[in-house]
């Protein structure tokens, strides 16, 4: 049976017209040298506002079930 892990997105902010910062996250429950692959994604948009950061293609492989805790990406 796959092991449950939690991936918590970290909120990010950028100023309108600048490049997006890397989307980062915290992981609890991974075993040994196992790793997360891919990255979370945010909803498309470049205007000022709040965009949700979602799991996207982020995975830890077939041995894990991920609970993803989203966060906000703010453009000011």
PDB file of N, CA and C in Angstrom:
ATOM      1  N   UNK A   1       0.842  -1.182   0.000  1.00  0.00           N
ATOM      2  CA  UNK A   1       0.000   0.000   0.000  1.00  0.00           C
ATOM      3  C   UNK A   1       0.888   1.248   0.000  1.00  0.00           C
ATOM      4  N   UNK A   2       0.564   2.235  -0.868  1.00  0.00           N
ATOM      5  CA  UNK A   2       1.377   3.454  -0.935  1.00  0.00           C
ATOM      6  C   UNK A   2       1.363   4.225   0.384  1.00  0.00           C
ATOM      7  N   UNK A   3       2.481   4.873   0.671  1.00  0.00           N
ATOM      8  CA  UNK A   3       2.629   5.684   1.888  1.00  0.00           C
ATOM      9  C   UNK A   3       2.083   7.083   1.628  1.00  0.00           C
ATOM     10  N   UNK A   4       1.356   7.620   2.585  1.00  0.00           N
ATOM     11  CA  UNK A   4       0.826   8.980   2.472  1.00  0.00           C
ATOM     12  C   UNK A   4       1.906   9.995   2.828  1.00  0.00           C
ATOM     13  N   UNK A   5       2.054  11.015   1.990  1.00  0.00           N
ATOM     14  CA  UNK A   5       2.959  12.126   2.277  1.00  0.00           C
ATOM     15  C   UNK A   5       2.200  13.432   2.072  1.00  0.00           C
ATOM     16  N   UNK A   6       2.731  14.492   2.641  1.00  0.00           N
ATOM     17  CA  UNK A   6       2.124  15.812   2.480  1.00  0.00           C
ATOM     18  C   UNK A   6       3.124  16.748   1.820  1.00  0.00           C
ATOM     19  N   UNK A   7       2.650  17.445   0.789  1.00  0.00           N
ATOM     20  CA  UNK A   7       3.446  18.470   0.116  1.00  0.00           C
ATOM     21  C   UNK A   7       2.714  19.796   0.323  1.00  0.00           C
ATOM     22  N   UNK A   8       3.393  20.748   0.951  1.00  0.00           N
ATOM     23  CA  UNK A   8       2.792  22.043   1.260  1.00  0.00           C
ATOM     24  C   UNK A   8       3.472  23.125   0.434  1.00  0.00           C
ATOM     25  N   UNK A   9       2.707  23.748  -0.463  1.00  0.00           N
ATOM     26  CA  UNK A   9       3.248  24.836  -1.279  1.00  0.00           C
ATOM     27  C   UNK A   9       3.549  26.032  -0.390  1.00  0.00           C
ATOM     28  N   UNK A  10       4.598  26.772  -0.748  1.00  0.00           N
ATOM     29  CA  UNK A  10       4.941  28.003  -0.039  1.00  0.00           C
ATOM     30  C   UNK A  10       4.436  29.192  -0.852  1.00  0.00           C
ATOM     31  N   UNK A  11       3.734  30.113  -0.203  1.00  0.00           N
ATOM     32  CA  UNK A  11       3.191  31.289  -0.874  1.00  0.00           C
ATOM     33  C   UNK A  11       4.324  32.118  -1.483  1.00  0.00           C
ATOM     34  N   UNK A  12       4.039  32.721  -2.621  1.00  0.00           N
ATOM     35  CA  UNK A  12       5.029  33.552  -3.318  1.00  0.00           C
ATOM     36  C   UNK A  12       4.383  34.850  -3.771  1.00  0.00           C
ATOM     37  N   UNK A  13       5.226  35.872  -3.947  1.00  0.00           N
ATOM     38  CA  UNK A  13       4.774  37.178  -4.422  1.00  0.00           C
ATOM     39  C   UNK A  13       5.774  37.702  -5.442  1.00  0.00           C
ATOM     40  N   UNK A  14       5.258  38.396  -6.441  1.00  0.00           N
ATOM     41  CA  UNK A  14       6.137  39.102  -7.375  1.00  0.00           C
ATOM     42  C   UNK A  14       5.497  40.428  -7.740  1.00  0.00           C
ATOM     43  N   UNK A  15       6.317  41.327  -8.242  1.00  0.00           N
ATOM     44  CA  UNK A  15       5.849  42.617  -8.721  1.00  0.00           C
ATOM     45  C   UNK A  15       5.469  42.460 -10.190  1.00  0.00           C
ATOM     46  N   UNK A  16       4.358  43.055 -10.584  1.00  0.00           N
ATOM     47  CA  UNK A  16       3.894  43.013 -11.968  1.00  0.00           C
ATOM     48  C   UNK A  16       5.042  43.332 -12.927  1.00  0.00           C
ATOM     49  N   UNK A  17       5.192  42.513 -13.958  1.00  0.00           N
ATOM     50  CA  UNK A  17       6.206  42.746 -14.974  1.00  0.00           C
ATOM     51  C   UNK A  17       7.543  42.089 -14.702  1.00  0.00           C
ATOM     52  N   UNK A  18       7.718  41.482 -13.541  1.00  0.00           N
ATOM     53  CA  UNK A  18       8.976  40.802 -13.233  1.00  0.00           C
ATOM     54  C   UNK A  18       8.816  39.295 -13.436  1.00  0.00           C
ATOM     55  N   UNK A  19       9.935  38.590 -13.417  1.00  0.00           N
ATOM     56  CA  UNK A  19       9.916  37.134 -13.606  1.00  0.00           C
ATOM     57  C   UNK A  19       9.338  36.441 -12.373  1.00  0.00           C
ATOM     58  N   UNK A  20       8.697  35.309 -12.611  1.00  0.00           N
ATOM     59  CA  UNK A  20       8.171  34.510 -11.499  1.00  0.00           C
ATOM     60  C   UNK A  20       9.313  33.949 -10.659  1.00  0.00           C
ATOM     61  N   UNK A  21       9.175  33.976  -9.341  1.00  0.00           N
ATOM     62  CA  UNK A  21      10.135  33.260  -8.496  1.00  0.00           C
ATOM     63  C   UNK A  21       9.871  31.760  -8.599  1.00  0.00           C
ATOM     64  N   UNK A  22      10.832  30.965  -8.216  1.00  0.00           N
ATOM     65  CA  UNK A  22      10.635  29.509  -8.203  1.00  0.00           C
ATOM     66  C   UNK A  22       9.526  29.164  -7.217  1.00  0.00           C
ATOM     67  N   UNK A  23       8.696  28.206  -7.592  1.00  0.00           N
ATOM     68  CA  UNK A  23       7.658  27.718  -6.691  1.00  0.00           C
ATOM     69  C   UNK A  23       8.271  26.639  -5.817  1.00  0.00           C
ATOM     70  N   UNK A  24       8.246  26.852  -4.524  1.00  0.00           N
ATOM     71  CA  UNK A  24       8.881  25.940  -3.580  1.00  0.00           C
ATOM     72  C   UNK A  24       7.825  25.295  -2.692  1.00  0.00           C
ATOM     73  N   UNK A  25       8.248  24.250  -1.997  1.00  0.00           N
ATOM     74  CA  UNK A  25       7.308  23.496  -1.169  1.00  0.00           C
ATOM     75  C   UNK A  25       8.062  22.747  -0.084  1.00  0.00           C
ATOM     76  N   UNK A  26       7.322  22.338   0.933  1.00  0.00           N
ATOM     77  CA  UNK A  26       7.850  21.517   2.020  1.00  0.00           C
ATOM     78  C   UNK A  26       7.223  20.135   1.915  1.00  0.00           C
ATOM     79  N   UNK A  27       8.010  19.099   2.213  1.00  0.00           N
ATOM     80  CA  UNK A  27       7.525  17.720   2.121  1.00  0.00           C
ATOM     81  C   UNK A  27       7.680  17.041   3.471  1.00  0.00           C
ATOM     82  N   UNK A  28       6.651  16.335   3.890  1.00  0.00           N
ATOM     83  CA  UNK A  28       6.761  15.498   5.081  1.00  0.00           C
ATOM     84  C   UNK A  28       6.351  14.082   4.718  1.00  0.00           C
ATOM     85  N   UNK A  29       7.133  13.119   5.174  1.00  0.00           N
ATOM     86  CA  UNK A  29       6.771  11.723   5.003  1.00  0.00           C
ATOM     87  C   UNK A  29       7.581  10.928   4.005  1.00  0.00           C
ATOM     88  N   UNK A  30       8.446  11.579   3.199  1.00  0.00           N
ATOM     89  CA  UNK A  30       9.274  10.818   2.258  1.00  0.00           C
ATOM     90  C   UNK A  30      10.266   9.953   3.022  1.00  0.00           C
ATOM     91  N   UNK A  31      10.590   8.807   2.460  1.00  0.00           N
ATOM     92  CA  UNK A  31      11.481   7.851   3.115  1.00  0.00           C
ATOM     93  C   UNK A  31      12.835   7.820   2.405  1.00  0.00           C
ATOM     94  N   UNK A  32      13.905   7.762   3.185  1.00  0.00           N
ATOM     95  CA  UNK A  32      15.249   7.588   2.633  1.00  0.00           C
ATOM     96  C   UNK A  32      15.617   8.667   1.643  1.00  0.00           C
ATOM     97  N   UNK A  33      16.109   8.231   0.473  1.00  0.00           N
ATOM     98  CA  UNK A  33      16.536   9.158  -0.575  1.00  0.00           C
ATOM     99  C   UNK A  33      15.463   9.403  -1.623  1.00  0.00           C
ATOM    100  N   UNK A  34      14.229   8.969  -1.368  1.00  0.00           N
ATOM    101  CA  UNK A  34      13.148   9.208  -2.322  1.00  0.00           C
ATOM    102  C   UNK A  34      12.973  10.706  -2.527  1.00  0.00           C
ATOM    103  N   UNK A  35      12.543  11.081  -3.735  1.00  0.00           N
ATOM    104  CA  UNK A  35      12.442  12.493  -4.089  1.00  0.00           C
ATOM    105  C   UNK A  35      11.131  12.792  -4.791  1.00  0.00           C
ATOM    106  N   UNK A  36      10.772  14.056  -4.736  1.00  0.00           N
ATOM    107  CA  UNK A  36       9.651  14.584  -5.505  1.00  0.00           C
ATOM    108  C   UNK A  36      10.179  14.918  -6.896  1.00  0.00           C
ATOM    109  N   UNK A  37       9.388  14.604  -7.919  1.00  0.00           N
ATOM    110  CA  UNK A  37       9.758  15.005  -9.271  1.00  0.00           C
ATOM    111  C   UNK A  37       8.729  15.994  -9.797  1.00  0.00           C
ATOM    112  N   UNK A  38       9.158  16.819 -10.718  1.00  0.00           N
ATOM    113  CA  UNK A  38       8.369  17.886 -11.310  1.00  0.00           C
ATOM    114  C   UNK A  38       8.204  19.017 -10.299  1.00  0.00           C
ATOM    115  N   UNK A  39       7.344  19.944 -10.604  1.00  0.00           N
ATOM    116  CA  UNK A  39       7.148  21.122  -9.763  1.00  0.00           C
ATOM    117  C   UNK A  39       5.668  21.447  -9.680  1.00  0.00           C
ATOM    118  N   UNK A  40       5.263  22.153  -8.620  1.00  0.00           N
ATOM    119  CA  UNK A  40       3.888  22.640  -8.601  1.00  0.00           C
ATOM    120  C   UNK A  40       3.720  23.691  -9.695  1.00  0.00           C
ATOM    121  N   UNK A  41       2.491  24.027  -9.990  1.00  0.00           N
ATOM    122  CA  UNK A  41       2.182  25.019 -11.025  1.00  0.00           C
ATOM    123  C   UNK A  41       1.235  26.055 -10.435  1.00  0.00           C
ATOM    124  N   UNK A  42       1.258  27.219 -11.045  1.00  0.00           N
ATOM    125  CA  UNK A  42       0.257  28.223 -10.670  1.00  0.00           C
ATOM    126  C   UNK A  42      -0.648  28.465 -11.864  1.00  0.00           C
ATOM    127  N   UNK A  43      -1.855  28.958 -11.581  1.00  0.00           N
ATOM    128  CA  UNK A  43      -2.755  29.305 -12.670  1.00  0.00           C
ATOM    129  C   UNK A  43      -2.116  30.402 -13.510  1.00  0.00           C
ATOM    130  N   UNK A  44      -2.381  30.365 -14.803  1.00  0.00           N
ATOM    131  CA  UNK A  44      -1.824  31.343 -15.732  1.00  0.00           C
ATOM    132  C   UNK A  44      -2.372  32.736 -15.432  1.00  0.00           C
ATOM    133  N   UNK A  45      -1.561  33.736 -15.726  1.00  0.00           N
ATOM    134  CA  UNK A  45      -1.981  35.119 -15.566  1.00  0.00           C
ATOM    135  C   UNK A  45      -0.809  35.982 -15.163  1.00  0.00           C
ATOM    136  N   UNK A  46      -0.786  37.206 -15.673  1.00  0.00           N
ATOM    137  CA  UNK A  46       0.298  38.132 -15.346  1.00  0.00           C
ATOM    138  C   UNK A  46      -0.216  39.451 -14.795  1.00  0.00           C
ATOM    139  N   UNK A  47      -1.526  39.620 -14.707  1.00  0.00           N
ATOM    140  CA  UNK A  47      -2.080  40.845 -14.137  1.00  0.00           C
ATOM    141  C   UNK A  47      -2.041  40.778 -12.621  1.00  0.00           C
ATOM    142  N   UNK A  48      -2.085  41.938 -11.978  1.00  0.00           N
ATOM    143  CA  UNK A  48      -2.106  41.978 -10.515  1.00  0.00           C
ATOM    144  C   UNK A  48      -3.281  41.154 -10.005  1.00  0.00           C
ATOM    145  N   UNK A  49      -3.026  40.370  -8.974  1.00  0.00           N
ATOM    146  CA  UNK A  49      -4.075  39.535  -8.408  1.00  0.00           C
ATOM    147  C   UNK A  49      -3.485  38.329  -7.711  1.00  0.00           C
ATOM    148  N   UNK A  50      -4.369  37.419  -7.323  1.00  0.00           N
ATOM    149  CA  UNK A  50      -3.979  36.207  -6.613  1.00  0.00           C
ATOM    150  C   UNK A  50      -4.274  34.999  -7.484  1.00  0.00           C
ATOM    151  N   UNK A  51      -3.291  34.120  -7.609  1.00  0.00           N
ATOM    152  CA  UNK A  51      -3.402  32.916  -8.424  1.00  0.00           C
ATOM    153  C   UNK A  51      -3.062  31.711  -7.550  1.00  0.00           C
ATOM    154  N   UNK A  52      -3.875  30.658  -7.596  1.00  0.00           N
ATOM    155  CA  UNK A  52      -3.578  29.493  -6.750  1.00  0.00           C
ATOM    156  C   UNK A  52      -2.371  28.709  -7.257  1.00  0.00           C
ATOM    157  N   UNK A  53      -1.566  28.230  -6.317  1.00  0.00           N
ATOM    158  CA  UNK A  53      -0.482  27.300  -6.628  1.00  0.00           C
ATOM    159  C   UNK A  53      -1.050  25.901  -6.426  1.00  0.00           C
ATOM    160  N   UNK A  54      -0.969  25.077  -7.477  1.00  0.00           N
ATOM    161  CA  UNK A  54      -1.571  23.744  -7.468  1.00  0.00           C
ATOM    162  C   UNK A  54      -0.499  22.663  -7.628  1.00  0.00           C
ATOM    163  N   UNK A  55      -0.906  21.425  -7.459  1.00  0.00           N
ATOM    164  CA  UNK A  55       0.028  20.295  -7.509  1.00  0.00           C
ATOM    165  C   UNK A  55       0.688  20.137  -8.870  1.00  0.00           C
ATOM    166  N   UNK A  56      -0.010  20.415  -9.947  1.00  0.00           N
ATOM    167  CA  UNK A  56       0.555  20.216 -11.276  1.00  0.00           C
ATOM    168  C   UNK A  56       0.946  18.764 -11.483  1.00  0.00           C
ATOM    169  N   UNK A  57       2.120  18.513 -12.072  1.00  0.00           N
ATOM    170  CA  UNK A  57       2.602  17.151 -12.350  1.00  0.00           C
ATOM    171  C   UNK A  57       3.469  16.594 -11.229  1.00  0.00           C
ATOM    172  N   UNK A  58       3.533  17.282 -10.115  1.00  0.00           N
ATOM    173  CA  UNK A  58       4.374  16.880  -8.996  1.00  0.00           C
ATOM    174  C   UNK A  58       4.005  15.470  -8.529  1.00  0.00           C
ATOM    175  N   UNK A  59       5.010  14.600  -8.407  1.00  0.00           N
ATOM    176  CA  UNK A  59       4.780  13.224  -7.984  1.00  0.00           C
ATOM    177  C   UNK A  59       5.976  12.713  -7.185  1.00  0.00           C
ATOM    178  N   UNK A  60       5.737  11.668  -6.419  1.00  0.00           N
ATOM    179  CA  UNK A  60       6.820  10.982  -5.709  1.00  0.00           C
ATOM    180  C   UNK A  60       6.885   9.525  -6.155  1.00  0.00           C
ATOM    181  N   UNK A  61       6.179   9.195  -7.224  1.00  0.00           N
ATOM    182  CA  UNK A  61       6.188   7.835  -7.744  1.00  0.00           C
ATOM    183  C   UNK A  61       5.063   6.988  -7.173  1.00  0.00           C
ATOM    184  N   UNK A  62       5.000   5.729  -7.616  1.00  0.00           N
ATOM    185  CA  UNK A  62       3.871   4.857  -7.264  1.00  0.00           C
ATOM    186  C   UNK A  62       3.845   4.401  -5.808  1.00  0.00           C
ATOM    187  N   UNK A  63       4.925   4.619  -5.070  1.00  0.00           N
ATOM    188  CA  UNK A  63       4.960   4.185  -3.669  1.00  0.00           C
ATOM    189  C   UNK A  63       4.362   5.206  -2.706  1.00  0.00           C
ATOM    190  N   UNK A  64       3.875   6.338  -3.242  1.00  0.00           N
ATOM    191  CA  UNK A  64       3.358   7.408  -2.391  1.00  0.00           C
ATOM    192  C   UNK A  64       2.027   7.935  -2.909  1.00  0.00           C
ATOM    193  N   UNK A  65       1.201   8.378  -1.971  1.00  0.00           N
ATOM    194  CA  UNK A  65      -0.014   9.129  -2.271  1.00  0.00           C
ATOM    195  C   UNK A  65       0.192  10.512  -1.671  1.00  0.00           C
ATOM    196  N   UNK A  66       0.065  11.542  -2.511  1.00  0.00           N
ATOM    197  CA  UNK A  66       0.349  12.907  -2.075  1.00  0.00           C
ATOM    198  C   UNK A  66      -0.932  13.625  -1.656  1.00  0.00           C
ATOM    199  N   UNK A  67      -0.880  14.238  -0.482  1.00  0.00           N
ATOM    200  CA  UNK A  67      -1.864  15.248  -0.103  1.00  0.00           C
ATOM    201  C   UNK A  67      -1.184  16.585  -0.348  1.00  0.00           C
ATOM    202  N   UNK A  68      -1.746  17.370  -1.269  1.00  0.00           N
ATOM    203  CA  UNK A  68      -1.138  18.649  -1.629  1.00  0.00           C
ATOM    204  C   UNK A  68      -1.886  19.777  -0.933  1.00  0.00           C
ATOM    205  N   UNK A  69      -1.140  20.631  -0.245  1.00  0.00           N
ATOM    206  CA  UNK A  69      -1.712  21.793   0.434  1.00  0.00           C
ATOM    207  C   UNK A  69      -1.358  23.021  -0.406  1.00  0.00           C
ATOM    208  N   UNK A  70      -2.344  23.624  -1.082  1.00  0.00           N
ATOM    209  CA  UNK A  70      -2.050  24.743  -1.973  1.00  0.00           C
ATOM    210  C   UNK A  70      -1.694  26.016  -1.212  1.00  0.00           C
ATOM    211  N   UNK A  71      -1.209  26.994  -1.964  1.00  0.00           N
ATOM    212  CA  UNK A  71      -0.906  28.321  -1.419  1.00  0.00           C
ATOM    213  C   UNK A  71      -1.226  29.344  -2.504  1.00  0.00           C
ATOM    214  N   UNK A  72      -1.060  30.614  -2.180  1.00  0.00           N
ATOM    215  CA  UNK A  72      -1.357  31.681  -3.133  1.00  0.00           C
ATOM    216  C   UNK A  72      -0.088  32.249  -3.749  1.00  0.00           C
ATOM    217  N   UNK A  73      -0.209  32.612  -5.019  1.00  0.00           N
ATOM    218  CA  UNK A  73       0.828  33.343  -5.743  1.00  0.00           C
ATOM    219  C   UNK A  73       0.235  34.719  -6.004  1.00  0.00           C
ATOM    220  N   UNK A  74       0.846  35.744  -5.441  1.00  0.00           N
ATOM    221  CA  UNK A  74       0.312  37.099  -5.568  1.00  0.00           C
ATOM    222  C   UNK A  74       1.175  37.939  -6.487  1.00  0.00           C
ATOM    223  N   UNK A  75       0.511  38.674  -7.372  1.00  0.00           N
ATOM    224  CA  UNK A  75       1.188  39.647  -8.226  1.00  0.00           C
ATOM    225  C   UNK A  75       0.704  41.019  -7.781  1.00  0.00           C
ATOM    226  N   UNK A  76       1.673  41.868  -7.433  1.00  0.00           N
ATOM    227  CA  UNK A  76       1.314  43.197  -6.926  1.00  0.00           C
ATOM    228  C   UNK A  76       1.665  44.274  -7.925  1.00  0.00           C
TER     229      UNK A  76
END
